[in-house]
PDB file of N, CA and C in Angstrom:
ATOM      1  N   UNK A   1     110.588  97.145 111.900  1.00  0.00           N
ATOM      2  CA  UNK A   1     110.846  97.408 110.419  1.00  0.00           C
ATOM      3  C   UNK A   1     110.246  98.712 110.120  1.00  0.00           C
ATOM      4  N   UNK A   2     110.988  99.696 109.555  1.00  0.00           N
ATOM      5  CA  UNK A   2     110.382 101.007 109.126  1.00  0.00           C
ATOM      6  C   UNK A   2     109.753 100.806 107.692  1.00  0.00           C
ATOM      7  N   UNK A   3     108.815 101.802 107.452  1.00  0.00           N
ATOM      8  CA  UNK A   3     108.124 101.796 106.214  1.00  0.00           C
ATOM      9  C   UNK A   3     109.104 101.839 104.983  1.00  0.00           C
ATOM     10  N   UNK A   4     110.213 102.721 105.182  1.00  0.00           N
ATOM     11  CA  UNK A   4     111.173 102.802 104.063  1.00  0.00           C
ATOM     12  C   UNK A   4     112.014 101.576 103.916  1.00  0.00           C
ATOM     13  N   UNK A   5     112.079 100.782 104.916  1.00  0.00           N
ATOM     14  CA  UNK A   5     112.783  99.414 104.778  1.00  0.00           C
ATOM     15  C   UNK A   5     111.924  98.397 103.941  1.00  0.00           C
ATOM     16  N   UNK A   6     110.586  98.501 104.240  1.00  0.00           N
ATOM     17  CA  UNK A   6     109.618  97.619 103.579  1.00  0.00           C
ATOM     18  C   UNK A   6     109.631  98.062 102.048  1.00  0.00           C
ATOM     19  N   UNK A   7     109.494  99.409 101.830  1.00  0.00           N
ATOM     20  CA  UNK A   7     109.436  99.919 100.483  1.00  0.00           C
ATOM     21  C   UNK A   7     110.661  99.412  99.710  1.00  0.00           C
ATOM     22  N   UNK A   8     111.924  99.457 100.317  1.00  0.00           N
ATOM     23  CA  UNK A   8     113.069  99.083  99.659  1.00  0.00           C
ATOM     24  C   UNK A   8     112.983  97.666  99.344  1.00  0.00           C
ATOM     25  N   UNK A   9     112.562  96.835 100.313  1.00  0.00           N
ATOM     26  CA  UNK A   9     112.348  95.265 100.183  1.00  0.00           C
ATOM     27  C   UNK A   9     111.465  95.080  98.946  1.00  0.00           C
ATOM     28  N   UNK A  10     110.305  95.756  98.906  1.00  0.00           N
ATOM     29  CA  UNK A  10     109.424  95.503  97.765  1.00  0.00           C
ATOM     30  C   UNK A  10     110.113  95.871  96.406  1.00  0.00           C
ATOM     31  N   UNK A  11     110.755  96.941  96.411  1.00  0.00           N
ATOM     32  CA  UNK A  11     111.424  97.286  95.045  1.00  0.00           C
ATOM     33  C   UNK A  11     112.468  96.327  94.652  1.00  0.00           C
ATOM     34  N   UNK A  12     113.295  95.819  95.612  1.00  0.00           N
ATOM     35  CA  UNK A  12     114.339  94.831  95.344  1.00  0.00           C
ATOM     36  C   UNK A  12     113.741  93.550  95.015  1.00  0.00           C
ATOM     37  N   UNK A  13     112.504  93.123  95.536  1.00  0.00           N
ATOM     38  CA  UNK A  13     111.831  91.957  95.234  1.00  0.00           C
ATOM     39  C   UNK A  13     111.360  92.105  93.775  1.00  0.00           C
ATOM     40  N   UNK A  14     110.741  93.151  93.372  1.00  0.00           N
ATOM     41  CA  UNK A  14     110.329  93.369  91.878  1.00  0.00           C
ATOM     42  C   UNK A  14     111.557  93.238  90.991  1.00  0.00           C
ATOM     43  N   UNK A  15     112.662  93.869  91.378  1.00  0.00           N
ATOM     44  CA  UNK A  15     113.793  93.887  90.486  1.00  0.00           C
ATOM     45  C   UNK A  15     114.566  92.601  90.509  1.00  0.00           C
ATOM     46  N   UNK A  16     114.211  91.588  91.313  1.00  0.00           N
ATOM     47  CA  UNK A  16     114.913  90.282  91.400  1.00  0.00           C
ATOM     48  C   UNK A  16     116.175  90.417  92.239  1.00  0.00           C
ATOM     49  N   UNK A  17     116.428  91.650  92.874  1.00  0.00           N
ATOM     50  CA  UNK A  17     117.690  91.773  93.660  1.00  0.00           C
ATOM     51  C   UNK A  17     117.479  91.583  95.200  1.00  0.00           C
ATOM     52  N   UNK A  18     116.782  90.599  95.546  1.00  0.00           N
ATOM     53  CA  UNK A  18     116.623  90.225  96.911  1.00  0.00           C
ATOM     54  C   UNK A  18     116.599  88.744  97.227  1.00  0.00           C
ATOM     55  N   UNK A  19     117.174  88.410  98.358  1.00  0.00           N
ATOM     56  CA  UNK A  19     117.152  87.049  98.740  1.00  0.00           C
ATOM     57  C   UNK A  19     115.639  86.576  98.938  1.00  0.00           C
ATOM     58  N   UNK A  20     115.440  85.439  98.273  1.00  0.00           N
ATOM     59  CA  UNK A  20     113.966  84.945  98.271  1.00  0.00           C
ATOM     60  C   UNK A  20     113.391  84.859  99.564  1.00  0.00           C
ATOM     61  N   UNK A  21     114.251  84.505 100.540  1.00  0.00           N
ATOM     62  CA  UNK A  21     113.810  84.273 101.900  1.00  0.00           C
ATOM     63  C   UNK A  21     113.410  85.565 102.658  1.00  0.00           C
ATOM     64  N   UNK A  22     113.968  86.628 102.187  1.00  0.00           N
ATOM     65  CA  UNK A  22     113.755  87.996 102.779  1.00  0.00           C
ATOM     66  C   UNK A  22     112.323  88.351 102.556  1.00  0.00           C
ATOM     67  N   UNK A  23     111.819  88.176 101.332  1.00  0.00           N
ATOM     68  CA  UNK A  23     110.355  88.557 101.198  1.00  0.00           C
ATOM     69  C   UNK A  23     109.509  87.576 101.892  1.00  0.00           C
ATOM     70  N   UNK A  24     109.855  86.287 101.917  1.00  0.00           N
ATOM     71  CA  UNK A  24     109.099  85.313 102.606  1.00  0.00           C
ATOM     72  C   UNK A  24     109.076  85.632 104.069  1.00  0.00           C
ATOM     73  N   UNK A  25     110.137  86.055 104.593  1.00  0.00           N
ATOM     74  CA  UNK A  25     110.263  86.338 106.179  1.00  0.00           C
ATOM     75  C   UNK A  25     109.231  87.464 106.422  1.00  0.00           C
ATOM     76  N   UNK A  26     109.188  88.533 105.514  1.00  0.00           N
ATOM     77  CA  UNK A  26     108.300  89.682 105.713  1.00  0.00           C
ATOM     78  C   UNK A  26     106.867  89.207 105.714  1.00  0.00           C
ATOM     79  N   UNK A  27     106.441  88.447 104.618  1.00  0.00           N
ATOM     80  CA  UNK A  27     105.079  87.973 104.435  1.00  0.00           C
ATOM     81  C   UNK A  27     104.654  86.881 105.526  1.00  0.00           C
ATOM     82  N   UNK A  28     105.601  86.194 106.119  1.00  0.00           N
ATOM     83  CA  UNK A  28     105.292  85.116 107.067  1.00  0.00           C
ATOM     84  C   UNK A  28     105.160  85.525 108.593  1.00  0.00           C
ATOM     85  N   UNK A  29     105.584  86.733 108.831  1.00  0.00           N
ATOM     86  CA  UNK A  29     105.485  87.239 110.199  1.00  0.00           C
ATOM     87  C   UNK A  29     104.539  88.329 110.400  1.00  0.00           C
ATOM     88  N   UNK A  30     103.651  88.143 111.414  1.00  0.00           N
ATOM     89  CA  UNK A  30     102.528  89.277 111.659  1.00  0.00           C
ATOM     90  C   UNK A  30     103.388  90.424 112.047  1.00  0.00           C
ATOM     91  N   UNK A  31     102.792  91.696 111.739  1.00  0.00           N
ATOM     92  CA  UNK A  31     103.475  92.920 112.062  1.00  0.00           C
ATOM     93  C   UNK A  31     102.611  93.620 113.126  1.00  0.00           C
ATOM     94  N   UNK A  32     103.405  94.263 114.144  1.00  0.00           N
ATOM     95  CA  UNK A  32     102.628  95.162 115.125  1.00  0.00           C
ATOM     96  C   UNK A  32     102.048  96.240 114.514  1.00  0.00           C
ATOM     97  N   UNK A  33     102.686  96.911 113.609  1.00  0.00           N
ATOM     98  CA  UNK A  33     102.202  98.125 112.904  1.00  0.00           C
ATOM     99  C   UNK A  33     101.010  97.765 112.063  1.00  0.00           C
ATOM    100  N   UNK A  34      99.870  98.347 112.295  1.00  0.00           N
ATOM    101  CA  UNK A  34      98.601  97.911 111.629  1.00  0.00           C
ATOM    102  C   UNK A  34      98.740  98.146 110.123  1.00  0.00           C
ATOM    103  N   UNK A  35      99.224  99.180 109.724  1.00  0.00           N
ATOM    104  CA  UNK A  35      99.489  99.496 108.245  1.00  0.00           C
ATOM    105  C   UNK A  35     100.293  98.454 107.543  1.00  0.00           C
ATOM    106  N   UNK A  36     101.518  98.123 108.189  1.00  0.00           N
ATOM    107  CA  UNK A  36     102.311  97.134 107.736  1.00  0.00           C
ATOM    108  C   UNK A  36     101.668  95.780 107.663  1.00  0.00           C
ATOM    109  N   UNK A  37     100.950  95.527 108.641  1.00  0.00           N
ATOM    110  CA  UNK A  37     100.237  94.200 108.712  1.00  0.00           C
ATOM    111  C   UNK A  37      99.148  94.073 107.546  1.00  0.00           C
ATOM    112  N   UNK A  38      98.554  95.112 107.254  1.00  0.00           N
ATOM    113  CA  UNK A  38      97.533  95.161 106.144  1.00  0.00           C
ATOM    114  C   UNK A  38      98.312  94.942 104.844  1.00  0.00           C
ATOM    115  N   UNK A  39      99.379  95.636 104.724  1.00  0.00           N
ATOM    116  CA  UNK A  39     100.118  95.404 103.491  1.00  0.00           C
ATOM    117  C   UNK A  39     100.703  94.007 103.327  1.00  0.00           C
ATOM    118  N   UNK A  40     101.105  93.411 104.531  1.00  0.00           N
ATOM    119  CA  UNK A  40     101.599  92.049 104.603  1.00  0.00           C
ATOM    120  C   UNK A  40     100.489  91.067 104.115  1.00  0.00           C
ATOM    121  N   UNK A  41      99.249  91.270 104.620  1.00  0.00           N
ATOM    122  CA  UNK A  41      98.231  90.445 104.252  1.00  0.00           C
ATOM    123  C   UNK A  41      97.931  90.489 102.811  1.00  0.00           C
ATOM    124  N   UNK A  42      97.905  91.749 102.299  1.00  0.00           N
ATOM    125  CA  UNK A  42      97.691  91.899 100.764  1.00  0.00           C
ATOM    126  C   UNK A  42      98.706  91.256  99.972  1.00  0.00           C
ATOM    127  N   UNK A  43     100.018  91.462 100.403  1.00  0.00           N
ATOM    128  CA  UNK A  43     101.127  90.844  99.673  1.00  0.00           C
ATOM    129  C   UNK A  43     101.106  89.331  99.723  1.00  0.00           C
ATOM    130  N   UNK A  44     100.679  88.775 100.840  1.00  0.00           N
ATOM    131  CA  UNK A  44     100.635  87.417 101.075  1.00  0.00           C
ATOM    132  C   UNK A  44      99.685  86.689 100.094  1.00  0.00           C
ATOM    133  N   UNK A  45      98.542  87.391  99.848  1.00  0.00           N
ATOM    134  CA  UNK A  45      97.432  86.799  98.900  1.00  0.00           C
ATOM    135  C   UNK A  45      97.567  87.412  97.511  1.00  0.00           C
ATOM    136  N   UNK A  46      98.485  88.201  97.174  1.00  0.00           N
ATOM    137  CA  UNK A  46      98.624  88.884  95.897  1.00  0.00           C
ATOM    138  C   UNK A  46      98.491  87.866  94.720  1.00  0.00           C
ATOM    139  N   UNK A  47      99.191  86.689  94.821  1.00  0.00           N
ATOM    140  CA  UNK A  47      99.079  85.746  93.690  1.00  0.00           C
ATOM    141  C   UNK A  47      97.685  85.212  93.513  1.00  0.00           C
ATOM    142  N   UNK A  48      96.781  85.310  94.558  1.00  0.00           N
ATOM    143  CA  UNK A  48      95.335  84.880  94.286  1.00  0.00           C
ATOM    144  C   UNK A  48      94.745  85.940  93.536  1.00  0.00           C
ATOM    145  N   UNK A  49      94.930  87.217  93.774  1.00  0.00           N
ATOM    146  CA  UNK A  49      94.289  88.332  93.046  1.00  0.00           C
ATOM    147  C   UNK A  49      94.827  88.638  91.721  1.00  0.00           C
ATOM    148  N   UNK A  50      96.237  88.337  91.624  1.00  0.00           N
ATOM    149  CA  UNK A  50      96.874  88.482  90.255  1.00  0.00           C
ATOM    150  C   UNK A  50      97.668  87.369  89.999  1.00  0.00           C
ATOM    151  N   UNK A  51      97.054  86.255  89.558  1.00  0.00           N
ATOM    152  CA  UNK A  51      97.827  85.006  89.231  1.00  0.00           C
ATOM    153  C   UNK A  51      98.895  85.202  88.324  1.00  0.00           C
ATOM    154  N   UNK A  52     100.073  84.490  88.547  1.00  0.00           N
ATOM    155  CA  UNK A  52     101.148  84.598  87.622  1.00  0.00           C
ATOM    156  C   UNK A  52     100.781  84.135  86.241  1.00  0.00           C
ATOM    157  N   UNK A  53     101.480  84.643  85.238  1.00  0.00           N
ATOM    158  CA  UNK A  53     101.238  84.340  83.810  1.00  0.00           C
ATOM    159  C   UNK A  53     101.901  82.859  83.687  1.00  0.00           C
ATOM    160  N   UNK A  54     101.792  82.394  82.562  1.00  0.00           N
ATOM    161  CA  UNK A  54     102.206  80.997  82.321  1.00  0.00           C
ATOM    162  C   UNK A  54     103.731  80.962  82.535  1.00  0.00           C
ATOM    163  N   UNK A  55     104.458  81.901  82.314  1.00  0.00           N
ATOM    164  CA  UNK A  55     105.920  82.007  82.520  1.00  0.00           C
ATOM    165  C   UNK A  55     106.286  81.746  83.985  1.00  0.00           C
ATOM    166  N   UNK A  56     105.357  81.968  84.898  1.00  0.00           N
ATOM    167  CA  UNK A  56     105.611  81.724  86.453  1.00  0.00           C
ATOM    168  C   UNK A  56     105.832  83.100  87.047  1.00  0.00           C
ATOM    169  N   UNK A  57     106.519  83.135  88.057  1.00  0.00           N
ATOM    170  CA  UNK A  57     106.790  84.355  88.923  1.00  0.00           C
ATOM    171  C   UNK A  57     105.783  84.402  90.102  1.00  0.00           C
ATOM    172  N   UNK A  58     105.912  85.397  90.816  1.00  0.00           N
ATOM    173  CA  UNK A  58     105.044  85.572  92.025  1.00  0.00           C
ATOM    174  C   UNK A  58     103.581  85.977  91.656  1.00  0.00           C
ATOM    175  N   UNK A  59     103.470  86.832  90.681  1.00  0.00           N
ATOM    176  CA  UNK A  59     102.197  87.343  90.199  1.00  0.00           C
ATOM    177  C   UNK A  59     102.293  87.979  88.927  1.00  0.00           C
ATOM    178  N   UNK A  60     101.145  88.413  88.248  1.00  0.00           N
ATOM    179  CA  UNK A  60     101.327  88.877  86.917  1.00  0.00           C
ATOM    180  C   UNK A  60     101.688  90.392  86.977  1.00  0.00           C
ATOM    181  N   UNK A  61     101.776  91.000  85.684  1.00  0.00           N
ATOM    182  CA  UNK A  61     102.177  92.354  85.682  1.00  0.00           C
ATOM    183  C   UNK A  61     101.389  93.399  86.522  1.00  0.00           C
ATOM    184  N   UNK A  62     100.016  93.210  86.542  1.00  0.00           N
ATOM    185  CA  UNK A  62      99.216  94.058  87.366  1.00  0.00           C
ATOM    186  C   UNK A  62      99.653  93.880  88.761  1.00  0.00           C
ATOM    187  N   UNK A  63      99.863  92.669  89.355  1.00  0.00           N
ATOM    188  CA  UNK A  63     100.352  92.498  90.649  1.00  0.00           C
ATOM    189  C   UNK A  63     101.598  93.192  90.958  1.00  0.00           C
ATOM    190  N   UNK A  64     102.629  93.032  89.983  1.00  0.00           N
ATOM    191  CA  UNK A  64     103.818  93.712  90.183  1.00  0.00           C
ATOM    192  C   UNK A  64     103.625  95.240  90.241  1.00  0.00           C
ATOM    193  N   UNK A  65     102.775  95.772  89.550  1.00  0.00           N
ATOM    194  CA  UNK A  65     102.364  97.173  89.545  1.00  0.00           C
ATOM    195  C   UNK A  65     101.827  97.578  90.944  1.00  0.00           C
ATOM    196  N   UNK A  66     101.069  96.641  91.533  1.00  0.00           N
ATOM    197  CA  UNK A  66     100.432  96.892  92.912  1.00  0.00           C
ATOM    198  C   UNK A  66     101.542  96.905  93.846  1.00  0.00           C
ATOM    199  N   UNK A  67     102.536  95.930  93.801  1.00  0.00           N
ATOM    200  CA  UNK A  67     103.666  95.921  94.720  1.00  0.00           C
ATOM    201  C   UNK A  67     104.400  97.272  94.724  1.00  0.00           C
ATOM    202  N   UNK A  68     104.570  97.827  93.521  1.00  0.00           N
ATOM    203  CA  UNK A  68     105.280  99.101  93.344  1.00  0.00           C
ATOM    204  C   UNK A  68     104.443 100.289  93.933  1.00  0.00           C
ATOM    205  N   UNK A  69     103.172 100.156  93.833  1.00  0.00           N
ATOM    206  CA  UNK A  69     102.252 101.155  94.397  1.00  0.00           C
ATOM    207  C   UNK A  69     102.359 101.131  95.866  1.00  0.00           C
ATOM    208  N   UNK A  70     102.353  99.931  96.470  1.00  0.00           N
ATOM    209  CA  UNK A  70     102.560  99.717  97.919  1.00  0.00           C
ATOM    210  C   UNK A  70     103.864 100.325  98.409  1.00  0.00           C
ATOM    211  N   UNK A  71     104.874 100.141  97.617  1.00  0.00           N
ATOM    212  CA  UNK A  71     106.233 100.756  97.994  1.00  0.00           C
ATOM    213  C   UNK A  71     106.177 102.334  98.001  1.00  0.00           C
ATOM    214  N   UNK A  72     105.426 102.894  96.975  1.00  0.00           N
ATOM    215  CA  UNK A  72     105.184 104.284  96.832  1.00  0.00           C
ATOM    216  C   UNK A  72     104.470 104.723  97.987  1.00  0.00           C
ATOM    217  N   UNK A  73     103.377 104.112  98.255  1.00  0.00           N
ATOM    218  CA  UNK A  73     102.441 104.428  99.502  1.00  0.00           C
ATOM    219  C   UNK A  73     103.267 104.456 100.856  1.00  0.00           C
ATOM    220  N   UNK A  74     104.178 103.546 100.961  1.00  0.00           N
ATOM    221  CA  UNK A  74     104.863 103.430 102.213  1.00  0.00           C
ATOM    222  C   UNK A  74     105.951 104.658 102.313  1.00  0.00           C
ATOM    223  N   UNK A  75     106.286 105.199 101.273  1.00  0.00           N
ATOM    224  CA  UNK A  75     107.272 106.315 101.285  1.00  0.00           C
ATOM    225  C   UNK A  75     106.602 107.707 101.135  1.00  0.00           C
ATOM    226  N   UNK A  76     105.266 107.685 100.973  1.00  0.00           N
ATOM    227  CA  UNK A  76     104.548 108.916 100.797  1.00  0.00           C
ATOM    228  C   UNK A  76     104.694 109.738 102.267  1.00  0.00           C
ATOM    229  N   UNK A  77     104.603 111.162 102.135  1.00  0.00           N
ATOM    230  CA  UNK A  77     104.738 111.876 103.272  1.00  0.00           C
ATOM    231  C   UNK A  77     103.788 111.442 104.370  1.00  0.00           C
ATOM    232  N   UNK A  78     102.589 111.054 104.101  1.00  0.00           N
ATOM    233  CA  UNK A  78     101.562 110.735 105.100  1.00  0.00           C
ATOM    234  C   UNK A  78     102.148 109.457 105.795  1.00  0.00           C
ATOM    235  N   UNK A  79     102.726 108.562 105.101  1.00  0.00           N
ATOM    236  CA  UNK A  79     103.100 107.256 105.709  1.00  0.00           C
ATOM    237  C   UNK A  79     104.362 107.446 106.455  1.00  0.00           C
ATOM    238  N   UNK A  80     105.301 108.333 106.058  1.00  0.00           N
ATOM    239  CA  UNK A  80     106.447 108.522 106.900  1.00  0.00           C
ATOM    240  C   UNK A  80     106.267 109.431 108.180  1.00  0.00           C
ATOM    241  N   UNK A  81     105.024 110.035 108.181  1.00  0.00           N
ATOM    242  CA  UNK A  81     104.771 110.814 109.380  1.00  0.00           C
ATOM    243  C   UNK A  81     104.282 109.967 110.576  1.00  0.00           C
ATOM    244  N   UNK A  82     103.972 108.744 110.189  1.00  0.00           N
ATOM    245  CA  UNK A  82     103.281 107.860 111.171  1.00  0.00           C
ATOM    246  C   UNK A  82     104.420 107.140 111.999  1.00  0.00           C
TER     247      UNK A  82
END
């Protein structure tokens, strides 16, 4: 899986335009790429760091912002050069 594919997945997850199992598949499987694995680990435990509000969801607004930051980081020139 390429960085841009993961960035797209994360943006679709935030917008609600993703199959729920697609995100689960990403977070459930170890990645060979060290950077993607680090992000996978962070995303997996994001609800612990940013617990969902009473209305539910994966995490709170700060967690959603972090997911979008990760998507941006994955598409940065430094990340795409790897």
